[in-house]
Amino acid sequence: MKKAAVGLAGLTALYTLSLTGLAIAQDPVAEGKKMYEQECASCHMANGAGSGIYPAVNNLSKEKGLEMLKGYRDGTYGGSMKSVMVPFVKGKTDQQLEALAAYMATLKK
């Protein structure tokens, strides 16, 4: 009986986690869009055109965007804006960064 009570809570947590992972796996662009709107658009603009000191990201391929995002996360990329970007990518998984890069690649000038 103990296992059933603990098992239900565990199953609920696993179900929630698997749905989150499944959502990213099934539609990475939609997940990337959500992240972009919440964390990137205020500086890089909704259309990715950038503003002032914040560069445009609407001209990046998925591969280049992913390279940059991972580089900011691991400290191998970025110039003067590195310190601004690191907090946004530091806790992100590869899968989340891939979703974000996939969405950014849909942004066109």
Protein backbone atom coordinates (compact mmCIF):
# COMPACT_ATOMS: atom_id res chain seq x y z
CA MET A 1 0.00 0.00 0.00
CA LYS A 2 2.83 2.44 0.72
CA LYS A 3 4.15 2.01 -2.79
CA ALA A 4 0.79 2.93 -4.30
CA ALA A 5 0.64 6.29 -2.49
CA VAL A 6 4.26 7.13 -3.23
CA GLY A 7 3.94 5.67 -6.71
CA LEU A 8 1.06 7.93 -7.63
CA ALA A 9 2.99 11.07 -6.72
CA GLY A 10 6.01 9.76 -8.59
CA LEU A 11 3.93 8.87 -11.63
CA THR A 12 2.36 12.33 -11.65
CA ALA A 13 5.81 13.93 -11.58
CA LEU A 14 7.10 11.64 -14.33
CA TYR A 15 4.00 12.28 -16.44
CA THR A 16 4.49 16.05 -16.09
CA LEU A 17 8.19 15.81 -16.96
CA SER A 18 7.58 13.54 -19.91
CA LEU A 19 4.91 15.85 -21.30
CA THR A 20 7.31 18.80 -21.08
CA GLY A 21 10.04 16.85 -22.86
CA LEU A 22 7.55 15.55 -25.39
CA ALA A 23 6.34 19.06 -26.18
CA ILE A 24 9.86 20.20 -26.96
CA ALA A 25 10.59 17.07 -28.99
CA GLN A 26 7.36 17.32 -31.00
CA ASP A 27 7.37 21.05 -31.69
CA PRO A 28 10.71 22.66 -30.92
CA VAL A 29 9.82 25.84 -32.84
CA ALA A 30 6.74 26.45 -30.67
CA GLU A 31 8.73 25.87 -27.49
CA GLY A 32 11.49 28.12 -28.80
CA LYS A 33 8.95 30.82 -29.61
CA LYS A 34 7.65 30.71 -26.06
CA MET A 35 11.17 31.06 -24.63
CA TYR A 36 12.05 33.81 -27.11
CA GLU A 37 8.96 35.84 -26.28
CA GLN A 38 9.60 35.51 -22.54
CA GLU A 39 13.35 36.05 -22.46
CA CYS A 40 14.69 37.51 -25.70
CA ALA A 41 12.13 39.78 -27.37
CA SER A 42 12.53 42.64 -24.89
CA CYS A 43 16.07 43.25 -26.19
CA HIS A 44 16.14 41.65 -29.64
CA MET A 45 12.58 42.74 -30.52
CA ALA A 46 9.65 40.44 -31.37
CA ASN A 47 10.76 40.23 -35.01
CA GLY A 48 14.42 39.65 -34.09
CA ALA A 49 15.57 42.92 -35.70
CA GLY A 50 17.42 44.05 -32.57
CA SER A 51 17.57 47.53 -31.16
CA GLY A 52 20.40 49.84 -30.19
CA ILE A 53 23.19 47.77 -28.64
CA TYR A 54 21.19 44.53 -29.01
CA PRO A 55 22.00 42.85 -32.33
CA ALA A 56 19.58 41.41 -34.81
CA VAL A 57 18.97 37.67 -34.56
CA ASN A 58 16.62 37.44 -37.54
CA ASN A 59 19.45 36.64 -39.92
CA LEU A 60 20.79 33.50 -38.22
CA SER A 61 20.59 29.93 -39.39
CA LYS A 62 19.56 27.39 -36.79
CA GLU A 63 23.13 26.09 -36.71
CA LYS A 64 24.70 29.52 -36.18
CA GLY A 65 22.14 30.47 -33.54
CA LEU A 66 22.76 27.21 -31.67
CA GLU A 67 26.52 27.68 -31.88
CA MET A 68 26.21 31.16 -30.40
CA LEU A 69 23.77 30.15 -27.65
CA LYS A 70 25.90 27.19 -26.57
CA GLY A 71 29.00 29.37 -26.74
CA TYR A 72 27.45 31.97 -24.45
CA ARG A 73 26.45 29.16 -22.07
CA ASP A 74 29.91 27.60 -21.91
CA GLY A 75 31.86 30.86 -22.13
CA THR A 76 33.50 30.29 -25.51
CA TYR A 77 31.51 32.93 -27.42
CA GLY A 78 30.68 36.56 -26.99
CA GLY A 79 32.32 39.87 -26.79
CA SER A 80 31.23 42.84 -24.75
CA MET A 81 27.67 41.51 -24.37
CA LYS A 82 28.72 38.14 -22.97
CA SER A 83 27.86 39.11 -19.40
CA VAL A 84 24.36 40.15 -20.50
CA MET A 85 23.65 36.88 -22.32
CA VAL A 86 25.07 34.31 -19.89
CA PRO A 87 22.21 34.51 -17.35
CA PHE A 88 19.68 33.77 -20.10
CA VAL A 89 21.39 30.60 -21.33
CA LYS A 90 23.26 29.30 -18.30
CA GLY A 91 20.53 26.97 -17.00
CA LYS A 92 19.22 25.87 -20.40
CA THR A 93 19.58 22.31 -21.66
CA ASP A 94 20.88 21.51 -25.14
CA GLN A 95 17.30 20.64 -26.10
CA GLN A 96 16.03 24.05 -24.95
CA LEU A 97 18.80 25.88 -26.80
CA GLU A 98 18.03 23.86 -29.94
CA ALA A 99 14.37 24.86 -29.67
CA LEU A 100 15.32 28.50 -29.24
CA ALA A 101 17.70 28.38 -32.21
CA ALA A 102 15.03 26.65 -34.30
CA TYR A 103 12.60 29.47 -33.59
CA MET A 104 15.14 32.23 -34.18
CA ALA A 105 15.88 30.70 -37.59
CA THR A 106 12.24 31.33 -38.54
CA LEU A 107 12.67 35.07 -37.95
CA LYS A 108 13.49 36.77 -41.23
CA LYS A 109 14.26 40.36 -42.15
